[in-house]
N, C-alpha and C. Protein backbone atom coordinates (compact mmCIF):
# COMPACT_ATOMS: atom_id res chain seq x y z
N THR A 1 7.84 -4.39 -12.39
CA THR A 1 9.39 -4.74 -11.82
C THR A 1 10.25 -3.44 -12.52
N GLU A 2 9.72 -2.88 -13.31
CA GLU A 2 10.52 -1.61 -13.65
C GLU A 2 11.09 -0.51 -12.74
N LEU A 3 9.82 -0.70 -12.53
CA LEU A 3 9.61 0.75 -11.51
C LEU A 3 10.74 -0.04 -10.08
N PHE A 4 10.61 -1.12 -9.91
CA PHE A 4 10.92 -1.23 -8.89
C PHE A 4 12.41 -1.67 -8.88
N SER A 5 12.66 -1.79 -9.92
CA SER A 5 14.09 -1.98 -10.34
C SER A 5 14.87 -0.34 -10.25
N ALA A 6 14.21 0.77 -10.45
CA ALA A 6 14.53 1.95 -10.88
C ALA A 6 14.32 2.33 -9.88
N ALA A 7 13.56 1.95 -8.55
CA ALA A 7 13.78 2.59 -7.12
C ALA A 7 15.19 2.05 -6.60
N LYS A 8 15.18 0.90 -6.63
CA LYS A 8 16.51 0.38 -6.22
C LYS A 8 17.57 1.31 -6.17
N THR A 9 17.82 1.47 -7.40
CA THR A 9 19.08 2.58 -7.35
C THR A 9 18.70 3.86 -7.08
N GLU A 10 17.66 4.28 -6.27
CA GLU A 10 17.49 5.59 -6.26
C GLU A 10 17.42 5.64 -4.16
N PHE A 11 17.25 4.29 -3.60
CA PHE A 11 17.30 4.52 -2.22
C PHE A 11 18.05 3.61 -1.24
N LYS A 12 18.36 4.22 -0.54
CA LYS A 12 19.91 3.41 0.18
C LYS A 12 19.18 2.22 0.30
N ASN A 13 18.53 1.91 1.36
CA ASN A 13 17.39 0.67 1.50
C ASN A 13 16.56 0.50 0.98
N PHE A 14 15.99 -0.68 0.17
CA PHE A 14 14.55 -0.38 -0.32
C PHE A 14 14.00 -2.21 -0.72
N GLU A 15 13.13 -2.35 -0.15
CA GLU A 15 12.58 -3.57 -0.10
C GLU A 15 11.06 -3.44 -0.84
N PHE A 16 10.39 -4.49 -1.56
CA PHE A 16 9.42 -4.58 -1.80
C PHE A 16 8.48 -5.58 -1.77
N PHE A 17 7.32 -5.85 -2.00
CA PHE A 17 5.86 -6.55 -1.24
C PHE A 17 5.08 -6.08 -2.52
N TYR A 18 4.75 -7.17 -2.67
CA TYR A 18 3.34 -7.15 -3.11
C TYR A 18 1.95 -7.71 -1.93
N PHE A 19 1.10 -7.28 -2.86
CA PHE A 19 -0.46 -7.33 -2.16
C PHE A 19 -1.44 -7.03 -3.43
N HIS A 20 -2.68 -7.85 -2.96
CA HIS A 20 -3.89 -7.67 -4.04
C HIS A 20 -4.88 -6.93 -3.46
N ASN A 21 -4.96 -5.68 -4.32
CA ASN A 21 -6.11 -4.68 -3.74
C ASN A 21 -5.82 -3.97 -2.66
N PHE A 22 -5.65 -4.54 -1.45
CA PHE A 22 -5.22 -4.21 -0.16
C PHE A 22 -4.88 -4.79 0.92
N ILE A 23 -4.54 -4.06 1.73
CA ILE A 23 -3.34 -5.02 2.92
C ILE A 23 -4.24 -5.48 3.83
N TYR A 24 -3.73 -6.97 3.87
CA TYR A 24 -4.44 -7.70 4.76
C TYR A 24 -3.05 -8.30 5.92
N GLU A 25 -3.38 -9.64 6.22
CA GLU A 25 -2.23 -9.45 7.42
C GLU A 25 -1.07 -10.44 6.62
N SER A 26 -0.81 -10.41 5.67
CA SER A 26 0.31 -10.80 4.78
C SER A 26 0.66 -9.75 3.33
N VAL A 27 1.49 -9.98 2.70
CA VAL A 27 2.42 -9.81 1.74
C VAL A 27 3.47 -10.62 1.10
N TRP A 28 3.70 -10.43 -0.26
CA TRP A 28 4.64 -11.55 -0.82
C TRP A 28 5.64 -10.93 -1.56
N LYS A 29 7.09 -11.42 -1.26
CA LYS A 29 8.01 -11.38 -2.67
C LYS A 29 7.91 -11.65 -3.82
N ASP A 30 7.20 -12.95 -4.29
CA ASP A 30 7.30 -13.44 -5.58
C ASP A 30 5.50 -13.41 -5.78
N ASN A 31 5.05 -13.06 -7.09
CA ASN A 31 3.26 -12.65 -7.21
C ASN A 31 3.08 -14.08 -7.51
N TYR A 32 4.35 -15.09 -8.29
CA TYR A 32 3.76 -16.29 -8.74
C TYR A 32 3.90 -17.28 -7.33
N ARG A 33 4.60 -16.77 -6.52
CA ARG A 33 4.16 -17.73 -5.11
C ARG A 33 3.52 -17.30 -4.00
N ARG A 34 2.64 -16.53 -4.52
CA ARG A 34 2.05 -15.63 -3.58
C ARG A 34 1.41 -16.26 -2.43
N PHE A 35 0.53 -17.61 -3.07
CA PHE A 35 -0.10 -17.94 -1.82
C PHE A 35 0.58 -19.26 -1.29
N ASP A 36 1.86 -19.32 -1.80
CA ASP A 36 2.86 -20.28 -0.79
C ASP A 36 3.75 -19.72 0.04
N GLU A 37 4.56 -18.11 -0.01
CA GLU A 37 5.43 -17.72 0.53
C GLU A 37 5.04 -16.50 1.11
N LYS A 38 4.13 -16.18 1.91
CA LYS A 38 3.33 -14.66 2.32
C LYS A 38 4.42 -14.66 3.61
N GLU A 39 4.66 -13.07 3.82
CA GLU A 39 5.49 -12.28 4.48
C GLU A 39 4.56 -11.69 5.81
N SER A 40 4.20 -12.07 6.99
CA SER A 40 3.47 -11.82 7.91
C SER A 40 3.75 -10.01 8.11
N ILE A 41 2.71 -9.39 8.18
CA ILE A 41 2.83 -7.85 8.23
C ILE A 41 3.37 -7.46 9.66
N LEU A 42 2.86 -8.18 10.34
CA LEU A 42 3.36 -8.02 12.05
C LEU A 42 4.99 -8.65 12.02
N ASN A 43 5.52 -9.13 11.34
CA ASN A 43 6.99 -10.00 10.87
C ASN A 43 7.67 -8.33 10.06
N ILE A 44 7.17 -7.79 9.04
CA ILE A 44 7.70 -6.72 8.61
C ILE A 44 7.84 -5.69 9.74
N ILE A 45 6.65 -5.23 10.44
CA ILE A 45 7.01 -4.18 11.10
C ILE A 45 7.83 -4.52 12.48
N ASN A 46 8.03 -5.76 13.08
CA ASN A 46 9.31 -6.33 13.77
C ASN A 46 10.30 -5.58 13.25
N LYS A 47 10.70 -6.33 11.68
CA LYS A 47 11.80 -6.68 10.97
C LYS A 47 12.40 -5.07 10.81
N TYR A 48 11.74 -4.34 10.22
CA TYR A 48 11.67 -2.97 9.70
C TYR A 48 11.59 -1.63 10.61
N ASN A 49 12.49 -1.15 11.32
CA ASN A 49 12.09 0.01 12.03
C ASN A 49 11.26 0.82 11.91
N LYS A 50 10.81 2.00 12.61
CA LYS A 50 9.66 3.37 12.41
C LYS A 50 10.55 4.30 11.39
N GLU A 51 11.74 4.15 11.18
CA GLU A 51 12.45 4.84 10.25
C GLU A 51 12.50 4.51 8.76
N TRP A 52 11.80 3.27 8.49
CA TRP A 52 11.46 2.92 7.18
C TRP A 52 10.03 3.98 6.62
N LYS A 53 10.29 4.17 5.04
CA LYS A 53 8.85 4.45 4.62
C LYS A 53 8.34 3.63 4.07
N LEU A 54 6.64 3.94 4.08
CA LEU A 54 6.18 3.39 2.86
C LEU A 54 5.73 3.66 1.69
N ILE A 55 5.71 3.31 0.68
CA ILE A 55 5.13 3.60 -0.67
C ILE A 55 3.75 2.54 -1.08
N PHE A 56 2.75 2.85 -0.88
CA PHE A 56 1.82 1.85 -1.64
C PHE A 56 1.85 2.06 -3.05
N ILE A 57 1.84 0.89 -3.96
CA ILE A 57 1.19 1.39 -5.49
C ILE A 57 0.07 0.71 -5.72
N GLY A 58 -1.08 1.45 -6.38
CA GLY A 58 -1.48 0.66 -6.81
C GLY A 58 -2.90 1.35 -7.11
N ASP A 59 -4.16 1.07 -7.60
CA ASP A 59 -5.21 2.02 -8.26
C ASP A 59 -6.28 1.77 -7.34
N ALA A 60 -6.01 1.15 -6.05
CA ALA A 60 -6.87 1.66 -5.13
C ALA A 60 -8.91 1.22 -5.13
N SER A 61 -9.10 0.90 -6.54
CA SER A 61 -10.28 0.36 -7.12
C SER A 61 -10.50 -0.47 -6.74
N MET A 62 -11.77 -1.07 -5.61
CA MET A 62 -12.01 -2.18 -5.10
C MET A 62 -13.05 -1.76 -4.55
N SER A 63 -13.72 -2.93 -3.96
CA SER A 63 -14.75 -3.28 -3.24
C SER A 63 -14.83 -2.61 -2.13
N PRO A 64 -15.46 -1.46 -1.68
CA PRO A 64 -15.20 -0.82 -0.19
C PRO A 64 -15.55 -2.05 1.01
N TYR A 65 -15.40 -3.34 0.50
CA TYR A 65 -16.11 -4.33 1.60
C TYR A 65 -13.97 -4.76 1.89
N GLU A 66 -13.86 -4.81 0.83
CA GLU A 66 -12.40 -5.34 1.15
C GLU A 66 -11.62 -4.25 2.10
N ILE A 67 -11.76 -3.16 2.08
CA ILE A 67 -11.05 -2.68 3.38
C ILE A 67 -11.99 -2.46 4.41
N ALA A 68 -13.26 -2.17 4.45
CA ALA A 68 -14.24 -1.85 5.69
C ALA A 68 -14.45 -3.35 6.74
N LEU A 69 -14.34 -4.43 5.79
CA LEU A 69 -14.84 -5.61 6.38
C LEU A 69 -14.31 -6.73 6.56
N THR A 70 -14.21 -7.72 7.36
CA THR A 70 -13.93 -9.12 7.98
C THR A 70 -14.39 -9.91 6.73
N GLY A 71 -13.67 -10.89 6.18
CA GLY A 71 -13.79 -11.52 5.31
C GLY A 71 -14.30 -10.83 3.96
N GLY A 72 -13.84 -9.57 3.73
CA GLY A 72 -14.09 -8.91 2.74
C GLY A 72 -13.00 -8.91 1.55
N SER A 73 -11.81 -9.56 1.74
CA SER A 73 -10.83 -10.23 0.72
C SER A 73 -11.44 -10.92 -0.57
N VAL A 74 -10.94 -10.32 -1.50
CA VAL A 74 -11.48 -11.43 -2.64
C VAL A 74 -10.68 -12.87 -2.97
N GLU A 75 -9.58 -12.96 -2.08
CA GLU A 75 -8.81 -13.94 -2.04
C GLU A 75 -8.31 -15.16 -1.09
N HIS A 76 -9.00 -14.33 -0.11
CA HIS A 76 -9.10 -15.22 1.23
C HIS A 76 -9.95 -15.06 2.30
N TRP A 77 -10.38 -15.56 3.46
CA TRP A 77 -10.89 -15.27 4.82
C TRP A 77 -10.01 -13.96 5.17
N ASN A 78 -10.24 -13.14 5.35
CA ASN A 78 -9.33 -12.23 6.63
C ASN A 78 -10.26 -11.92 7.63
N GLU A 79 -9.86 -12.51 8.45
CA GLU A 79 -9.83 -12.38 10.01
C GLU A 79 -10.19 -10.62 10.49
N GLU A 80 -9.76 -10.05 9.95
CA GLU A 80 -9.94 -8.33 10.28
C GLU A 80 -9.89 -7.30 9.50
N PRO A 81 -10.20 -6.28 9.40
CA PRO A 81 -10.45 -6.13 7.99
C PRO A 81 -9.24 -5.40 7.67
N GLY A 82 -9.31 -5.15 6.44
CA GLY A 82 -8.12 -4.57 5.11
C GLY A 82 -7.76 -3.08 6.27
N TYR A 83 -8.54 -2.10 6.68
CA TYR A 83 -8.14 -0.72 7.55
C TYR A 83 -7.38 -1.13 8.69
N VAL A 84 -7.72 -2.09 8.96
CA VAL A 84 -6.97 -2.47 10.57
C VAL A 84 -5.44 -2.59 10.40
N TRP A 85 -5.43 -3.43 9.51
CA TRP A 85 -3.88 -4.02 8.80
C TRP A 85 -3.12 -2.65 8.59
N ILE A 86 -3.67 -2.05 7.52
CA ILE A 86 -3.15 -0.78 6.76
C ILE A 86 -2.66 -0.18 8.49
N GLN A 87 -3.94 0.30 8.89
CA GLN A 87 -3.46 1.62 10.24
C GLN A 87 -2.25 1.12 11.38
N ARG A 88 -2.28 -0.46 11.36
CA ARG A 88 -1.01 -0.97 11.76
C ARG A 88 0.38 -0.50 11.30
N LEU A 89 0.12 -0.53 10.16
CA LEU A 89 1.64 -0.10 9.39
C LEU A 89 1.65 0.80 9.76
N LEU A 90 0.46 2.27 9.50
CA LEU A 90 0.84 3.62 9.56
C LEU A 90 1.14 3.82 11.00
N ASN A 91 0.64 3.04 12.00
CA ASN A 91 1.02 3.85 13.37
C ASN A 91 2.37 3.01 13.33
N HIS A 92 3.18 2.05 13.15
CA HIS A 92 4.57 2.25 13.24
C HIS A 92 5.62 2.90 12.39
N TYR A 93 5.34 3.15 10.86
CA TYR A 93 5.63 3.70 9.81
C TYR A 93 5.25 5.11 9.48
N LYS A 94 5.58 5.81 10.12
CA LYS A 94 5.04 7.43 9.87
C LYS A 94 4.89 8.27 8.70
N LYS A 95 5.94 7.73 7.88
CA LYS A 95 5.74 8.35 6.48
C LYS A 95 5.30 7.20 5.44
N ALA A 96 4.01 7.58 5.10
CA ALA A 96 4.09 6.58 3.92
C ALA A 96 2.97 7.65 2.60
N VAL A 97 3.00 7.36 1.84
CA VAL A 97 2.15 7.97 0.67
C VAL A 97 1.53 6.28 -0.37
N TRP A 98 0.77 6.79 -0.78
CA TRP A 98 0.01 5.50 -1.91
C TRP A 98 0.27 6.55 -3.27
N ILE A 99 0.90 5.79 -4.37
CA ILE A 99 0.76 6.67 -5.79
C ILE A 99 -0.46 5.81 -6.43
N ASN A 100 -1.04 6.26 -6.98
CA ASN A 100 -2.02 5.84 -7.57
C ASN A 100 -1.77 6.11 -9.40
N PRO A 101 -2.01 5.01 -10.36
CA PRO A 101 -2.19 5.48 -11.58
C PRO A 101 -3.33 5.58 -12.06
N ILE A 102 -4.37 5.57 -11.62
CA ILE A 102 -5.72 6.35 -12.36
C ILE A 102 -5.49 7.73 -12.39
N LYS A 103 -5.94 8.06 -13.17
CA LYS A 103 -6.05 9.23 -13.38
C LYS A 103 -6.92 10.27 -12.24
N LYS A 104 -6.19 11.42 -11.49
CA LYS A 104 -7.08 12.05 -10.68
C LYS A 104 -8.29 12.56 -10.78
N ASP A 105 -8.39 12.66 -11.88
CA ASP A 105 -10.14 13.38 -12.19
C ASP A 105 -10.82 12.35 -11.87
N PHE A 106 -10.49 11.29 -11.94
CA PHE A 106 -11.33 10.24 -11.87
C PHE A 106 -11.61 9.58 -10.24
N TRP A 107 -10.27 10.01 -9.38
CA TRP A 107 -10.50 9.43 -7.86
C TRP A 107 -11.67 9.72 -7.10
N LYS A 108 -12.51 10.83 -7.59
CA LYS A 108 -13.78 11.34 -7.04
C LYS A 108 -14.88 10.43 -7.15
N ASN A 109 -14.69 9.49 -7.98
CA ASN A 109 -15.61 8.77 -8.56
C ASN A 109 -16.01 7.19 -7.85
N THR A 110 -14.65 6.95 -7.15
CA THR A 110 -14.52 5.52 -6.75
C THR A 110 -14.52 5.73 -4.99
N GLN A 111 -15.86 5.03 -4.49
CA GLN A 111 -15.66 4.64 -2.94
C GLN A 111 -14.15 4.77 -2.60
N SER A 112 -13.53 3.20 -3.04
CA SER A 112 -12.42 2.56 -1.97
C SER A 112 -10.94 3.68 -2.22
N ILE A 113 -10.83 4.35 -3.41
CA ILE A 113 -10.10 5.71 -3.27
C ILE A 113 -10.65 6.70 -2.59
N ASN A 114 -11.41 7.08 -2.22
CA ASN A 114 -11.98 7.95 -1.24
C ASN A 114 -11.75 7.83 0.10
N MET A 115 -11.74 6.37 0.29
CA MET A 115 -11.89 5.61 1.77
C MET A 115 -10.42 5.73 1.92
N ILE A 116 -9.40 5.64 0.88
CA ILE A 116 -8.19 5.12 1.05
C ILE A 116 -7.19 6.72 1.48
N ILE A 117 -7.62 7.43 1.16
CA ILE A 117 -7.36 8.69 0.66
C ILE A 117 -7.57 9.28 2.15
N GLU A 118 -8.75 9.05 3.01
CA GLU A 118 -8.87 9.69 4.13
C GLU A 118 -7.95 8.73 5.24
N ILE A 119 -7.88 7.55 4.84
CA ILE A 119 -7.01 6.10 5.95
C ILE A 119 -5.62 7.25 5.75
N LEU A 120 -4.84 7.54 4.57
CA LEU A 120 -3.92 8.06 4.32
C LEU A 120 -3.57 9.73 4.93
N ASN A 121 -4.73 10.20 5.66
CA ASN A 121 -4.98 11.61 5.29
C ASN A 121 -4.02 12.19 4.32
N SER A 122 -4.89 12.25 3.05
CA SER A 122 -4.88 12.82 2.05
C SER A 122 -3.33 12.78 1.28
N ARG A 123 -2.52 11.57 1.72
CA ARG A 123 -1.29 11.09 0.88
C ARG A 123 -1.09 10.33 -0.04
N MET A 124 -2.84 10.87 -1.14
CA MET A 124 -2.51 10.17 -2.11
C MET A 124 -2.16 10.71 -3.43
N PHE A 125 -1.28 9.93 -3.97
CA PHE A 125 -0.67 11.15 -4.98
C PHE A 125 -0.87 10.51 -6.48
N PRO A 126 -0.96 10.89 -7.58
CA PRO A 126 -1.03 10.08 -9.11
C PRO A 126 0.02 10.01 -9.56
N MET A 127 0.38 9.39 -10.42
CA MET A 127 1.70 8.50 -10.84
C MET A 127 1.87 9.11 -11.83
N THR A 128 2.44 10.60 -11.55
CA THR A 128 2.85 11.51 -13.14
C THR A 128 4.33 11.80 -12.08
N ILE A 129 5.31 12.59 -13.16
CA ILE A 129 6.26 13.03 -12.61
C ILE A 129 5.72 14.15 -11.86
N LYS A 130 4.82 14.81 -11.24
CA LYS A 130 5.24 15.67 -10.66
C LYS A 130 4.14 15.25 -9.20
N GLY A 131 3.20 14.16 -9.40
CA GLY A 131 2.69 13.53 -8.31
C GLY A 131 3.97 12.71 -7.76
N ILE A 132 4.68 12.12 -8.28
CA ILE A 132 5.48 11.11 -7.71
C ILE A 132 6.60 12.30 -6.90
N ASP A 133 6.95 13.44 -7.35
CA ASP A 133 7.54 14.01 -6.58
C ASP A 133 7.16 14.64 -5.41
N LYS A 134 5.98 14.81 -5.46
CA LYS A 134 4.99 15.19 -4.33
C LYS A 134 5.11 14.38 -3.37
N ALA A 135 5.01 12.78 -3.73
CA ALA A 135 5.09 11.91 -2.91
C ALA A 135 6.37 11.66 -2.17
N MET A 136 7.00 11.88 -2.95
CA MET A 136 9.19 11.77 -2.01
C MET A 136 8.96 13.02 -1.65
N ARG A 137 8.65 13.99 -1.60
CA ARG A 137 8.63 15.14 -0.89
C ARG A 137 7.82 14.89 0.55
N GLU A 138 6.80 14.25 0.42
CA GLU A 138 5.77 13.64 1.89
C GLU A 138 6.75 12.98 2.52
N LEU A 139 7.69 12.21 2.09
CA LEU A 139 8.83 11.31 2.89
C LEU A 139 9.63 11.77 3.48
N ILE A 140 9.75 12.63 2.80
CA ILE A 140 11.12 13.51 3.66
C ILE A 140 10.82 13.82 4.95
């Protein structure tokens, strides 16, 4: 929450949504109401034009099935694999980065991190001052 509050002061327009491990067909604004008040990814694509930029924040450490397979989500039955949903976002929003709090030295040891690095064309950055600076430059 502190990160989002700080970001709101830096960006002219800023919206944030939560997701668990990976992107599927919906995200949510209130983590406590995540099963009741979801926002469809398709609605987000229709609501926010392609000039918006995406910043994913998370450790990207999960079962590879959560990215690659139908039904791979640990919370619900996903009709389509996670990579299909994130690709829809990336096709619409050309500027996107992933900020990862896991120390970069450990990324090579986690299959899901490497899968996401590939999906995002190496636009994953460590959650350090230098990493965040590089991520923001990528979005310009």
